[in-house]
Amino acid sequence: MPINPENLDEFRNQLFDELDRFAKDNIFGSLQKLFLGRFRDYDVYSVNGAYVKILYDINFVEGGNFRAYSYIPEGEIWLDADLDKVDQKYILSHEYFEAEQMKAGLKYDNPEKPNDMECAHNQADFFIELPYRKREIA
């Protein structure tokens, strides 16, 4: 049946709602939030990263913390369950440091200056996660 252009927005909204429900129930499962433990002042959880990407934030990659992402509850760090255990360790180091830097007043990122070292995300990569990964190789 052809789509009436006058009802396109209504058709599209209904279609998207049905696709979201189908994907949520049949493709991506659930958040599958699993408590891994407490690290310093943070509760650390393993989550279904695909579910987070589709239903919350397409930019969720490997992990996140509540200071950077409004959908993560206060005091929590999320790690993608698809990561292997070694990578979870590195991402936890990144998320912890990033959250602490934001707590101290740094902003998460600066889109105008992608390599701005005054931002928590870049500092977490450069000062914590990358050196931690290199330490394991030595």
N, C-alpha and C. Protein backbone atom coordinates (compact mmCIF):
# COMPACT_ATOMS: atom_id res chain seq x y z
N MET A 1 0.85 -1.18 0.00
CA MET A 1 0.00 0.00 0.00
C MET A 1 0.89 1.24 0.00
N PRO A 2 0.67 2.15 -0.95
CA PRO A 2 1.50 3.36 -1.02
C PRO A 2 1.28 4.25 0.20
N ILE A 3 2.32 4.98 0.54
CA ILE A 3 2.25 5.89 1.69
C ILE A 3 1.71 7.23 1.22
N ASN A 4 0.73 7.73 1.94
CA ASN A 4 0.16 9.03 1.66
C ASN A 4 1.12 10.10 2.22
N PRO A 5 1.65 10.99 1.39
CA PRO A 5 2.60 12.01 1.88
C PRO A 5 2.04 12.87 3.01
N GLU A 6 0.74 13.02 3.05
CA GLU A 6 0.14 13.84 4.11
C GLU A 6 0.28 13.17 5.48
N ASN A 7 0.40 11.84 5.50
CA ASN A 7 0.50 11.10 6.76
C ASN A 7 1.90 10.54 6.98
N LEU A 8 2.88 11.05 6.25
CA LEU A 8 4.23 10.48 6.32
C LEU A 8 4.81 10.53 7.73
N ASP A 9 4.70 11.65 8.41
CA ASP A 9 5.26 11.76 9.76
C ASP A 9 4.60 10.77 10.72
N GLU A 10 3.29 10.66 10.64
CA GLU A 10 2.57 9.71 11.49
C GLU A 10 2.98 8.28 11.18
N PHE A 11 3.07 7.94 9.88
CA PHE A 11 3.50 6.61 9.47
C PHE A 11 4.90 6.31 9.97
N ARG A 12 5.81 7.26 9.76
CA ARG A 12 7.20 7.08 10.16
C ARG A 12 7.32 6.90 11.68
N ASN A 13 6.63 7.73 12.46
CA ASN A 13 6.69 7.61 13.92
C ASN A 13 6.17 6.26 14.40
N GLN A 14 5.08 5.80 13.82
CA GLN A 14 4.53 4.51 14.20
C GLN A 14 5.50 3.38 13.82
N LEU A 15 6.05 3.46 12.62
CA LEU A 15 7.01 2.46 12.17
C LEU A 15 8.22 2.41 13.09
N PHE A 16 8.79 3.58 13.41
CA PHE A 16 9.97 3.64 14.27
C PHE A 16 9.67 3.08 15.65
N ASP A 17 8.50 3.39 16.19
CA ASP A 17 8.12 2.85 17.51
C ASP A 17 8.06 1.33 17.48
N GLU A 18 7.46 0.78 16.43
CA GLU A 18 7.38 -0.67 16.31
C GLU A 18 8.75 -1.30 16.12
N LEU A 19 9.59 -0.67 15.31
CA LEU A 19 10.95 -1.18 15.11
C LEU A 19 11.74 -1.14 16.42
N ASP A 20 11.61 -0.06 17.19
CA ASP A 20 12.30 0.03 18.47
C ASP A 20 11.86 -1.08 19.42
N ARG A 21 10.55 -1.32 19.49
CA ARG A 21 10.04 -2.39 20.37
C ARG A 21 10.55 -3.76 19.91
N PHE A 22 10.52 -3.99 18.60
CA PHE A 22 10.99 -5.26 18.06
C PHE A 22 12.47 -5.46 18.38
N ALA A 23 13.28 -4.43 18.10
CA ALA A 23 14.72 -4.52 18.35
C ALA A 23 14.99 -4.74 19.82
N LYS A 24 14.31 -4.00 20.67
CA LYS A 24 14.52 -4.12 22.11
C LYS A 24 14.19 -5.53 22.59
N ASP A 25 13.09 -6.06 22.14
CA ASP A 25 12.63 -7.36 22.64
C ASP A 25 13.31 -8.54 21.95
N ASN A 26 13.62 -8.43 20.67
CA ASN A 26 14.04 -9.60 19.91
C ASN A 26 15.48 -9.59 19.41
N ILE A 27 16.08 -8.43 19.31
CA ILE A 27 17.43 -8.36 18.76
C ILE A 27 18.47 -8.09 19.84
N PHE A 28 18.23 -7.04 20.61
CA PHE A 28 19.25 -6.59 21.56
C PHE A 28 19.05 -7.12 22.97
N GLY A 29 17.95 -7.76 23.24
CA GLY A 29 17.72 -8.31 24.57
C GLY A 29 17.43 -7.23 25.57
N SER A 30 18.19 -7.21 26.64
CA SER A 30 17.97 -6.22 27.68
C SER A 30 19.31 -5.61 28.08
N LEU A 31 19.28 -4.69 29.00
CA LEU A 31 20.50 -4.04 29.45
C LEU A 31 21.46 -5.05 30.08
N GLN A 32 20.92 -6.09 30.70
CA GLN A 32 21.73 -7.15 31.31
C GLN A 32 22.81 -6.57 32.22
N LYS A 33 22.38 -5.69 33.09
CA LYS A 33 23.30 -5.00 34.00
C LYS A 33 23.73 -5.96 35.11
N LEU A 34 25.03 -6.25 35.14
CA LEU A 34 25.58 -7.21 36.09
C LEU A 34 26.61 -6.51 36.98
N PHE A 35 26.38 -6.52 38.28
CA PHE A 35 27.30 -5.87 39.22
C PHE A 35 28.61 -6.65 39.27
N LEU A 36 29.71 -5.97 38.97
CA LEU A 36 31.03 -6.60 39.00
C LEU A 36 31.76 -6.36 40.32
N GLY A 37 31.42 -5.27 40.98
CA GLY A 37 32.08 -4.96 42.25
C GLY A 37 32.19 -3.46 42.45
N ARG A 38 32.83 -3.12 43.53
CA ARG A 38 33.01 -1.70 43.87
C ARG A 38 34.49 -1.36 43.70
N PHE A 39 34.76 -0.28 42.97
CA PHE A 39 36.13 0.22 42.83
C PHE A 39 36.16 1.63 43.38
N ARG A 40 36.89 1.79 44.48
CA ARG A 40 36.95 3.06 45.19
C ARG A 40 35.53 3.54 45.47
N ASP A 41 35.13 4.69 44.96
CA ASP A 41 33.78 5.22 45.27
C ASP A 41 32.73 4.86 44.22
N TYR A 42 33.03 3.93 43.34
CA TYR A 42 32.14 3.66 42.22
C TYR A 42 31.67 2.21 42.20
N ASP A 43 30.39 2.02 41.82
CA ASP A 43 29.86 0.69 41.55
C ASP A 43 30.11 0.40 40.07
N VAL A 44 30.71 -0.75 39.78
CA VAL A 44 31.09 -1.09 38.42
C VAL A 44 30.16 -2.20 37.90
N TYR A 45 29.61 -1.98 36.71
CA TYR A 45 28.67 -2.93 36.12
C TYR A 45 29.11 -3.31 34.71
N SER A 46 28.83 -4.53 34.34
CA SER A 46 28.93 -5.00 32.98
C SER A 46 27.54 -4.82 32.36
N VAL A 47 27.50 -4.28 31.13
CA VAL A 47 26.21 -4.04 30.46
C VAL A 47 26.27 -4.52 29.01
N ASN A 48 25.11 -4.72 28.44
CA ASN A 48 24.96 -5.07 27.03
C ASN A 48 25.20 -3.80 26.21
N GLY A 49 26.39 -3.66 25.65
CA GLY A 49 26.78 -2.46 24.93
C GLY A 49 25.90 -2.17 23.72
N ALA A 50 25.47 -3.21 23.00
CA ALA A 50 24.60 -3.00 21.83
C ALA A 50 23.28 -2.39 22.27
N TYR A 51 22.75 -2.85 23.37
CA TYR A 51 21.49 -2.32 23.91
C TYR A 51 21.66 -0.84 24.27
N VAL A 52 22.76 -0.52 24.94
CA VAL A 52 23.02 0.88 25.32
C VAL A 52 23.13 1.75 24.08
N LYS A 53 23.85 1.28 23.06
CA LYS A 53 24.02 2.05 21.83
C LYS A 53 22.68 2.34 21.15
N ILE A 54 21.84 1.34 21.07
CA ILE A 54 20.57 1.50 20.35
C ILE A 54 19.56 2.31 21.14
N LEU A 55 19.45 2.04 22.43
CA LEU A 55 18.37 2.68 23.19
C LEU A 55 18.77 3.93 23.95
N TYR A 56 20.05 4.15 24.18
CA TYR A 56 20.47 5.33 24.93
C TYR A 56 21.37 6.26 24.12
N ASP A 57 22.45 5.71 23.54
CA ASP A 57 23.48 6.59 23.00
C ASP A 57 24.34 5.84 21.99
N ILE A 58 24.26 6.24 20.73
CA ILE A 58 25.03 5.59 19.68
C ILE A 58 26.53 5.76 19.91
N ASN A 59 26.92 6.76 20.70
CA ASN A 59 28.34 7.03 20.96
C ASN A 59 28.91 6.22 22.12
N PHE A 60 28.11 5.36 22.75
CA PHE A 60 28.63 4.52 23.83
C PHE A 60 29.60 3.50 23.23
N VAL A 61 30.86 3.59 23.65
CA VAL A 61 31.88 2.68 23.14
C VAL A 61 32.68 2.14 24.31
N GLU A 62 32.59 0.88 24.57
CA GLU A 62 33.38 0.14 25.55
C GLU A 62 33.04 0.43 27.00
N GLY A 63 32.66 1.65 27.34
CA GLY A 63 32.34 1.96 28.72
C GLY A 63 31.91 3.40 28.89
N GLY A 64 31.48 3.71 30.11
CA GLY A 64 31.06 5.07 30.41
C GLY A 64 30.93 5.26 31.90
N ASN A 65 30.82 6.52 32.31
CA ASN A 65 30.62 6.82 33.72
C ASN A 65 29.52 7.86 33.85
N PHE A 66 28.97 7.97 35.05
CA PHE A 66 27.80 8.82 35.26
C PHE A 66 28.08 10.31 35.06
N ARG A 67 29.31 10.72 35.17
CA ARG A 67 29.61 12.14 34.98
C ARG A 67 29.64 12.51 33.49
N ALA A 68 29.95 11.56 32.64
CA ALA A 68 30.01 11.81 31.20
C ALA A 68 28.68 11.54 30.51
N TYR A 69 27.88 10.61 31.03
CA TYR A 69 26.64 10.19 30.38
C TYR A 69 25.48 10.28 31.35
N SER A 70 24.49 11.08 31.00
CA SER A 70 23.35 11.33 31.91
C SER A 70 22.49 10.10 32.14
N TYR A 71 22.52 9.12 31.26
CA TYR A 71 21.69 7.92 31.42
C TYR A 71 22.30 6.90 32.39
N ILE A 72 23.55 7.08 32.78
CA ILE A 72 24.17 6.17 33.74
C ILE A 72 23.89 6.71 35.14
N PRO A 73 23.34 5.88 36.03
CA PRO A 73 23.00 6.36 37.37
C PRO A 73 24.21 6.86 38.15
N GLU A 74 23.95 7.79 39.05
CA GLU A 74 25.02 8.39 39.85
C GLU A 74 25.85 7.33 40.56
N GLY A 75 27.16 7.54 40.53
CA GLY A 75 28.09 6.65 41.22
C GLY A 75 28.42 5.38 40.48
N GLU A 76 28.01 5.27 39.21
CA GLU A 76 28.22 4.03 38.46
C GLU A 76 29.18 4.21 37.29
N ILE A 77 29.91 3.14 37.01
CA ILE A 77 30.71 2.99 35.81
C ILE A 77 30.20 1.75 35.10
N TRP A 78 29.96 1.88 33.79
CA TRP A 78 29.49 0.76 32.98
C TRP A 78 30.60 0.32 32.04
N LEU A 79 30.77 -1.00 31.93
CA LEU A 79 31.73 -1.60 30.99
C LEU A 79 30.96 -2.51 30.05
N ASP A 80 31.27 -2.44 28.78
CA ASP A 80 30.59 -3.28 27.79
C ASP A 80 30.93 -4.74 28.05
N ALA A 81 29.91 -5.57 28.15
CA ALA A 81 30.09 -7.01 28.42
C ALA A 81 30.83 -7.72 27.30
N ASP A 82 30.85 -7.15 26.10
CA ASP A 82 31.54 -7.79 24.98
C ASP A 82 33.06 -7.65 25.05
N LEU A 83 33.54 -6.80 25.92
CA LEU A 83 34.99 -6.66 26.08
C LEU A 83 35.56 -7.89 26.78
N ASP A 84 36.78 -8.25 26.43
CA ASP A 84 37.41 -9.31 27.21
C ASP A 84 37.84 -8.72 28.56
N LYS A 85 38.19 -9.57 29.48
CA LYS A 85 38.50 -9.14 30.85
C LYS A 85 39.67 -8.16 30.90
N VAL A 86 40.66 -8.36 30.05
CA VAL A 86 41.82 -7.46 30.04
C VAL A 86 41.38 -6.07 29.60
N ASP A 87 40.58 -5.99 28.54
CA ASP A 87 40.12 -4.69 28.07
C ASP A 87 39.19 -4.03 29.09
N GLN A 88 38.39 -4.82 29.79
CA GLN A 88 37.54 -4.23 30.84
C GLN A 88 38.40 -3.53 31.88
N LYS A 89 39.53 -4.11 32.20
CA LYS A 89 40.43 -3.50 33.18
C LYS A 89 40.91 -2.14 32.68
N TYR A 90 41.30 -2.07 31.41
CA TYR A 90 41.79 -0.81 30.87
C TYR A 90 40.69 0.24 30.77
N ILE A 91 39.52 -0.19 30.35
CA ILE A 91 38.41 0.76 30.23
C ILE A 91 38.00 1.26 31.61
N LEU A 92 38.03 0.38 32.61
CA LEU A 92 37.74 0.82 33.97
C LEU A 92 38.74 1.89 34.40
N SER A 93 40.02 1.72 34.09
CA SER A 93 41.02 2.73 34.46
C SER A 93 40.68 4.06 33.79
N HIS A 94 40.30 4.01 32.53
CA HIS A 94 39.94 5.21 31.79
C HIS A 94 38.72 5.90 32.41
N GLU A 95 37.66 5.14 32.63
CA GLU A 95 36.41 5.70 33.14
C GLU A 95 36.57 6.26 34.55
N TYR A 96 37.33 5.57 35.36
CA TYR A 96 37.57 6.05 36.73
C TYR A 96 38.29 7.39 36.70
N PHE A 97 39.39 7.47 35.97
CA PHE A 97 40.17 8.70 35.91
C PHE A 97 39.35 9.84 35.30
N GLU A 98 38.61 9.54 34.25
CA GLU A 98 37.77 10.54 33.61
C GLU A 98 36.74 11.09 34.60
N ALA A 99 36.07 10.21 35.33
CA ALA A 99 35.07 10.65 36.31
C ALA A 99 35.70 11.51 37.40
N GLU A 100 36.88 11.13 37.84
CA GLU A 100 37.57 11.90 38.88
C GLU A 100 37.97 13.29 38.37
N GLN A 101 38.42 13.36 37.12
CA GLN A 101 38.81 14.65 36.54
C GLN A 101 37.58 15.55 36.37
N MET A 102 36.46 14.97 35.97
CA MET A 102 35.23 15.75 35.83
C MET A 102 34.73 16.21 37.20
N LYS A 103 34.89 15.37 38.20
CA LYS A 103 34.53 15.74 39.57
C LYS A 103 35.34 16.97 40.01
N ALA A 104 36.59 17.04 39.55
CA ALA A 104 37.46 18.16 39.90
C ALA A 104 37.20 19.40 39.05
N GLY A 105 36.28 19.31 38.08
CA GLY A 105 35.89 20.48 37.31
C GLY A 105 36.23 20.48 35.84
N LEU A 106 36.97 19.49 35.36
CA LEU A 106 37.25 19.45 33.93
C LEU A 106 36.01 19.04 33.16
N LYS A 107 35.87 19.59 31.95
CA LYS A 107 34.76 19.14 31.10
C LYS A 107 35.17 17.85 30.39
N TYR A 108 34.18 17.13 29.92
CA TYR A 108 34.42 15.83 29.28
C TYR A 108 35.27 15.97 28.01
N ASP A 109 34.84 16.86 27.11
CA ASP A 109 35.47 16.94 25.80
C ASP A 109 35.28 18.34 25.23
N ASN A 110 36.06 18.68 24.22
CA ASN A 110 35.94 19.95 23.51
C ASN A 110 35.87 19.66 22.02
N PRO A 111 34.66 19.68 21.44
CA PRO A 111 34.52 19.35 20.02
C PRO A 111 35.32 20.26 19.08
N GLU A 112 35.54 21.51 19.49
CA GLU A 112 36.30 22.43 18.64
C GLU A 112 37.80 22.08 18.62
N LYS A 113 38.28 21.48 19.70
CA LYS A 113 39.69 21.09 19.79
C LYS A 113 39.75 19.62 20.19
N PRO A 114 39.73 18.72 19.22
CA PRO A 114 39.66 17.28 19.52
C PRO A 114 40.79 16.75 20.39
N ASN A 115 41.96 17.38 20.38
CA ASN A 115 43.09 16.88 21.17
C ASN A 115 43.37 17.74 22.40
N ASP A 116 42.39 18.48 22.84
CA ASP A 116 42.54 19.39 23.98
C ASP A 116 42.85 18.61 25.26
N MET A 117 44.04 18.79 25.79
CA MET A 117 44.45 18.05 27.00
C MET A 117 43.88 18.65 28.27
N GLU A 118 43.07 19.70 28.14
CA GLU A 118 42.37 20.24 29.31
C GLU A 118 41.03 19.53 29.52
N CYS A 119 40.77 18.48 28.75
CA CYS A 119 39.51 17.75 28.84
C CYS A 119 39.73 16.38 29.45
N ALA A 120 38.76 15.95 30.25
CA ALA A 120 38.88 14.71 31.01
C ALA A 120 39.04 13.48 30.13
N HIS A 121 38.32 13.41 29.02
CA HIS A 121 38.40 12.23 28.16
C HIS A 121 39.81 12.04 27.61
N ASN A 122 40.39 13.10 27.09
CA ASN A 122 41.74 13.00 26.52
C ASN A 122 42.78 12.70 27.59
N GLN A 123 42.64 13.29 28.76
CA GLN A 123 43.58 13.01 29.84
C GLN A 123 43.50 11.55 30.26
N ALA A 124 42.27 11.01 30.32
CA ALA A 124 42.11 9.61 30.71
C ALA A 124 42.81 8.69 29.72
N ASP A 125 42.72 9.00 28.44
CA ASP A 125 43.44 8.21 27.43
C ASP A 125 44.95 8.33 27.59
N PHE A 126 45.41 9.57 27.60
CA PHE A 126 46.84 9.84 27.52
C PHE A 126 47.60 9.52 28.81
N PHE A 127 47.04 9.90 29.95
CA PHE A 127 47.77 9.76 31.21
C PHE A 127 47.53 8.43 31.93
N ILE A 128 46.41 7.77 31.64
CA ILE A 128 46.06 6.56 32.40
C ILE A 128 45.92 5.33 31.52
N GLU A 129 44.95 5.31 30.62
CA GLU A 129 44.66 4.07 29.88
C GLU A 129 45.82 3.63 29.00
N LEU A 130 46.35 4.51 28.17
CA LEU A 130 47.42 4.10 27.25
C LEU A 130 48.68 3.65 27.99
N PRO A 131 49.16 4.39 29.01
CA PRO A 131 50.32 3.90 29.76
C PRO A 131 50.04 2.57 30.47
N TYR A 132 48.79 2.39 30.94
CA TYR A 132 48.44 1.13 31.61
C TYR A 132 48.52 -0.03 30.64
N ARG A 133 48.05 0.17 29.41
CA ARG A 133 48.14 -0.89 28.39
C ARG A 133 49.60 -1.20 28.06
N LYS A 134 50.42 -0.17 27.92
CA LYS A 134 51.84 -0.39 27.58
C LYS A 134 52.57 -1.10 28.70
N ARG A 135 52.20 -0.85 29.93
CA ARG A 135 52.84 -1.48 31.06
C ARG A 135 52.70 -2.99 31.01
N GLU A 136 51.57 -3.47 30.50
CA GLU A 136 51.31 -4.91 30.43
C GLU A 136 52.21 -5.58 29.40
N ILE A 137 52.62 -4.83 28.37
CA ILE A 137 53.45 -5.41 27.31
C ILE A 137 54.88 -5.63 27.80
N ALA A 138 55.36 -4.72 28.61
CA ALA A 138 56.76 -4.75 29.07
C ALA A 138 57.04 -5.99 29.91
